[in-house]
Amino acid sequence: MATDTNVVLDGFLDEETVPGDLHGTTARFRLVVSPTDERADEMVLPCTVTDPELAHAVIHDLAPGDQLRVTGYLRIPRTPDEPMWLAVTTLTVLETAPRLSDPALRVLAEPAQTAHRDSHKATSVPAAG
């Protein structure tokens, strides 16, 4: 198998992106790829971006849960102590994940009611907001 294989993958951003260097001219992230409904086919693929403009967008514009399409070169390890990763050359956001800054989602994230039990009766009290 070649060490550089051009691939296109769709997946979800697993967690916050991080700068790959002190200046933020590169970026790193993990992509959850699940090509089928079978959990055994799911994988988490480390990705790197070396283009400074794309790295800036990855660091500042993406959020966990965003659905992405990435194109790049799969770096296959040559020794057991080397990681496998995708060197991303292009990235498209297919769908953004809901942000908690959206007022409608903040309501969903906060418990609407807290149940208090006193003896045999239950009462609902609105949560303090």
C-alpha atoms as a PDB file:
ATOM      1  CA  MET A   1       0.000   0.000   0.000  1.00  0.00           C
ATOM      2  CA  ALA A   2       1.290   3.474  -0.818  1.00  0.00           C
ATOM      3  CA  THR A   3       2.207   5.796   2.035  1.00  0.00           C
ATOM      4  CA  ASP A   4       0.317   8.713   0.462  1.00  0.00           C
ATOM      5  CA  THR A   5      -3.205   7.869  -0.651  1.00  0.00           C
ATOM      6  CA  ASN A   6      -5.624  10.625  -1.702  1.00  0.00           C
ATOM      7  CA  VAL A   7      -8.928  10.106   0.100  1.00  0.00           C
ATOM      8  CA  VAL A   8     -12.232  11.900   0.643  1.00  0.00           C
ATOM      9  CA  LEU A   9     -14.023  11.232   3.930  1.00  0.00           C
ATOM     10  CA  ASP A  10     -17.177  12.502   5.615  1.00  0.00           C
ATOM     11  CA  GLY A  11     -17.310  12.559   9.380  1.00  0.00           C
ATOM     12  CA  PHE A  12     -17.960  14.535  12.530  1.00  0.00           C
ATOM     13  CA  LEU A  13     -15.508  16.690  14.429  1.00  0.00           C
ATOM     14  CA  ASP A  14     -14.830  14.698  17.590  1.00  0.00           C
ATOM     15  CA  GLU A  15     -13.630  17.453  19.945  1.00  0.00           C
ATOM     16  CA  GLU A  16     -12.194  20.966  19.951  1.00  0.00           C
ATOM     17  CA  THR A  17      -9.553  21.648  17.320  1.00  0.00           C
ATOM     18  CA  VAL A  18      -6.058  22.592  18.494  1.00  0.00           C
ATOM     19  CA  PRO A  19      -3.218  24.590  16.962  1.00  0.00           C
ATOM     20  CA  GLY A  20      -0.447  22.394  15.631  1.00  0.00           C
ATOM     21  CA  ASP A  21       2.233  24.978  16.408  1.00  0.00           C
ATOM     22  CA  LEU A  22       2.767  28.053  18.579  1.00  0.00           C
ATOM     23  CA  HIS A  23       1.706  30.474  15.839  1.00  0.00           C
ATOM     24  CA  GLY A  24      -1.508  28.716  14.792  1.00  0.00           C
ATOM     25  CA  THR A  25      -0.321  28.247  11.211  1.00  0.00           C
ATOM     26  CA  THR A  26      -1.154  24.534  11.441  1.00  0.00           C
ATOM     27  CA  ALA A  27      -4.041  22.730  13.111  1.00  0.00           C
ATOM     28  CA  ARG A  28      -4.933  19.296  14.417  1.00  0.00           C
ATOM     29  CA  PHE A  29      -8.289  17.622  14.996  1.00  0.00           C
ATOM     30  CA  ARG A  30      -9.955  14.236  15.220  1.00  0.00           C
ATOM     31  CA  LEU A  31     -12.617  13.131  12.762  1.00  0.00           C
ATOM     32  CA  VAL A  32     -15.138  10.417  13.621  1.00  0.00           C
ATOM     33  CA  VAL A  33     -15.772   8.451  10.433  1.00  0.00           C
ATOM     34  CA  SER A  34     -18.654   5.978  10.321  1.00  0.00           C
ATOM     35  CA  PRO A  35     -19.308   4.811   6.754  1.00  0.00           C
ATOM     36  CA  THR A  36     -22.021   2.325   7.776  1.00  0.00           C
ATOM     37  CA  ASP A  37     -24.472   1.890  10.636  1.00  0.00           C
ATOM     38  CA  GLU A  38     -22.196  -0.780  12.139  1.00  0.00           C
ATOM     39  CA  ARG A  39     -20.283   0.418  15.203  1.00  0.00           C
ATOM     40  CA  ALA A  40     -17.406  -1.893  14.268  1.00  0.00           C
ATOM     41  CA  ASP A  41     -16.857   0.201  11.101  1.00  0.00           C
ATOM     42  CA  GLU A  42     -16.521   3.464  13.054  1.00  0.00           C
ATOM     43  CA  MET A  43     -13.077   4.992  13.549  1.00  0.00           C
ATOM     44  CA  VAL A  44     -11.502   8.148  14.929  1.00  0.00           C
ATOM     45  CA  LEU A  45      -8.921   9.528  12.519  1.00  0.00           C
ATOM     46  CA  PRO A  46      -6.343  12.134  13.576  1.00  0.00           C
ATOM     47  CA  CYS A  47      -6.088  14.942  11.016  1.00  0.00           C
ATOM     48  CA  THR A  48      -3.551  17.710  10.417  1.00  0.00           C
ATOM     49  CA  VAL A  49      -3.787  20.913   8.390  1.00  0.00           C
ATOM     50  CA  THR A  50      -0.613  22.684   7.244  1.00  0.00           C
ATOM     51  CA  ASP A  51      -2.113  25.405   5.025  1.00  0.00           C
ATOM     52  CA  PRO A  52      -2.109  28.545   7.248  1.00  0.00           C
ATOM     53  CA  GLU A  53      -5.438  29.936   5.962  1.00  0.00           C
ATOM     54  CA  LEU A  54      -7.221  26.601   6.305  1.00  0.00           C
ATOM     55  CA  ALA A  55      -5.618  26.065   9.726  1.00  0.00           C
ATOM     56  CA  HIS A  56      -6.932  29.446  10.915  1.00  0.00           C
ATOM     57  CA  ALA A  57     -10.460  28.506   9.798  1.00  0.00           C
ATOM     58  CA  VAL A  58     -10.202  25.083  11.457  1.00  0.00           C
ATOM     59  CA  ILE A  59      -9.028  26.572  14.763  1.00  0.00           C
ATOM     60  CA  HIS A  60     -11.534  29.447  14.899  1.00  0.00           C
ATOM     61  CA  ASP A  61     -14.625  28.354  12.963  1.00  0.00           C
ATOM     62  CA  LEU A  62     -15.235  24.673  13.737  1.00  0.00           C
ATOM     63  CA  ALA A  63     -16.952  23.162  16.768  1.00  0.00           C
ATOM     64  CA  PRO A  64     -17.340  19.590  18.011  1.00  0.00           C
ATOM     65  CA  GLY A  65     -20.165  17.820  16.218  1.00  0.00           C
ATOM     66  CA  ASP A  66     -19.769  19.706  12.932  1.00  0.00           C
ATOM     67  CA  GLN A  67     -20.198  17.381   9.961  1.00  0.00           C
ATOM     68  CA  LEU A  68     -17.225  17.728   7.624  1.00  0.00           C
ATOM     69  CA  ARG A  69     -15.980  16.460   4.285  1.00  0.00           C
ATOM     70  CA  VAL A  70     -12.198  16.315   4.208  1.00  0.00           C
ATOM     71  CA  THR A  71      -9.853  15.543   1.348  1.00  0.00           C
ATOM     72  CA  GLY A  72      -6.244  14.699   1.881  1.00  0.00           C
ATOM     73  CA  TYR A  73      -3.494  12.143   1.976  1.00  0.00           C
ATOM     74  CA  LEU A  74      -3.547   9.230   4.359  1.00  0.00           C
ATOM     75  CA  ARG A  75      -0.197   8.874   6.097  1.00  0.00           C
ATOM     76  CA  ILE A  76       0.381   5.208   6.840  1.00  0.00           C
ATOM     77  CA  PRO A  77       2.880   4.393   9.612  1.00  0.00           C
ATOM     78  CA  ARG A  78       6.104   2.740   8.531  1.00  0.00           C
ATOM     79  CA  THR A  79       7.015   1.571  12.031  1.00  0.00           C
ATOM     80  CA  PRO A  80       4.888   0.531  15.042  1.00  0.00           C
ATOM     81  CA  ASP A  81       5.669   3.751  16.941  1.00  0.00           C
ATOM     82  CA  GLU A  82       4.434   6.105  14.173  1.00  0.00           C
ATOM     83  CA  PRO A  83       0.811   7.291  14.118  1.00  0.00           C
ATOM     84  CA  MET A  84      -1.530   7.145  11.143  1.00  0.00           C
ATOM     85  CA  TRP A  85      -3.191  10.451  10.190  1.00  0.00           C
ATOM     86  CA  LEU A  86      -4.852  12.323   7.369  1.00  0.00           C
ATOM     87  CA  ALA A  87      -2.974  15.334   5.991  1.00  0.00           C
ATOM     88  CA  VAL A  88      -5.991  17.490   5.066  1.00  0.00           C
ATOM     89  CA  THR A  89      -5.759  19.603   1.905  1.00  0.00           C
ATOM     90  CA  THR A  90      -9.411  20.694   1.625  1.00  0.00           C
ATOM     91  CA  LEU A  91     -12.268  20.821   4.102  1.00  0.00           C
ATOM     92  CA  THR A  92     -15.965  21.526   3.635  1.00  0.00           C
ATOM     93  CA  VAL A  93     -18.481  21.987   6.439  1.00  0.00           C
ATOM     94  CA  LEU A  94     -21.514  19.919   5.444  1.00  0.00           C
ATOM     95  CA  GLU A  95     -23.563  20.827   8.513  1.00  0.00           C
ATOM     96  CA  THR A  96     -22.798  22.760  11.660  1.00  0.00           C
ATOM     97  CA  ALA A  97     -23.573  21.273  15.037  1.00  0.00           C
ATOM     98  CA  PRO A  98     -26.079  23.111  17.215  1.00  0.00           C
ATOM     99  CA  ARG A  99     -24.320  25.720  19.363  1.00  0.00           C
ATOM    100  CA  LEU A 100     -25.263  26.231  23.003  1.00  0.00           C
ATOM    101  CA  SER A 101     -25.175  29.979  22.378  1.00  0.00           C
ATOM    102  CA  ASP A 102     -28.491  29.497  20.524  1.00  0.00           C
ATOM    103  CA  PRO A 103     -31.208  30.547  23.068  1.00  0.00           C
ATOM    104  CA  ALA A 104     -33.477  27.672  22.057  1.00  0.00           C
ATOM    105  CA  LEU A 105     -30.714  25.168  22.802  1.00  0.00           C
ATOM    106  CA  ARG A 106     -29.838  26.746  26.146  1.00  0.00           C
ATOM    107  CA  VAL A 107     -33.382  25.970  27.274  1.00  0.00           C
ATOM    108  CA  LEU A 108     -32.905  22.348  26.226  1.00  0.00           C
ATOM    109  CA  ALA A 109     -29.538  22.109  27.974  1.00  0.00           C
ATOM    110  CA  GLU A 110     -30.896  23.411  31.298  1.00  0.00           C
ATOM    111  CA  PRO A 111     -33.217  21.243  33.365  1.00  0.00           C
ATOM    112  CA  ALA A 112     -36.711  22.652  32.975  1.00  0.00           C
ATOM    113  CA  GLN A 113     -37.990  21.377  36.293  1.00  0.00           C
ATOM    114  CA  THR A 114     -36.570  19.916  39.451  1.00  0.00           C
ATOM    115  CA  ALA A 115     -38.732  17.427  41.321  1.00  0.00           C
ATOM    116  CA  HIS A 116     -38.815  17.671  45.103  1.00  0.00           C
ATOM    117  CA  ARG A 117     -40.254  14.863  47.188  1.00  0.00           C
ATOM    118  CA  ASP A 118     -41.742  15.588  50.571  1.00  0.00           C
ATOM    119  CA  SER A 119     -43.301  12.625  52.257  1.00  0.00           C
ATOM    120  CA  HIS A 120     -45.787  11.084  49.775  1.00  0.00           C
ATOM    121  CA  LYS A 121     -46.383  13.995  47.441  1.00  0.00           C
ATOM    122  CA  ALA A 122     -44.244  15.252  44.581  1.00  0.00           C
ATOM    123  CA  THR A 123     -44.133  18.834  43.438  1.00  0.00           C
ATOM    124  CA  SER A 124     -42.381  20.427  40.499  1.00  0.00           C
ATOM    125  CA  VAL A 125     -40.511  23.663  40.948  1.00  0.00           C
ATOM    126  CA  PRO A 126     -39.094  25.654  38.022  1.00  0.00           C
ATOM    127  CA  ALA A 127     -35.291  25.597  38.004  1.00  0.00           C
ATOM    128  CA  ALA A 128     -33.574  28.818  38.994  1.00  0.00           C
ATOM    129  CA  GLY A 129     -32.241  30.527  35.916  1.00  0.00           C
END
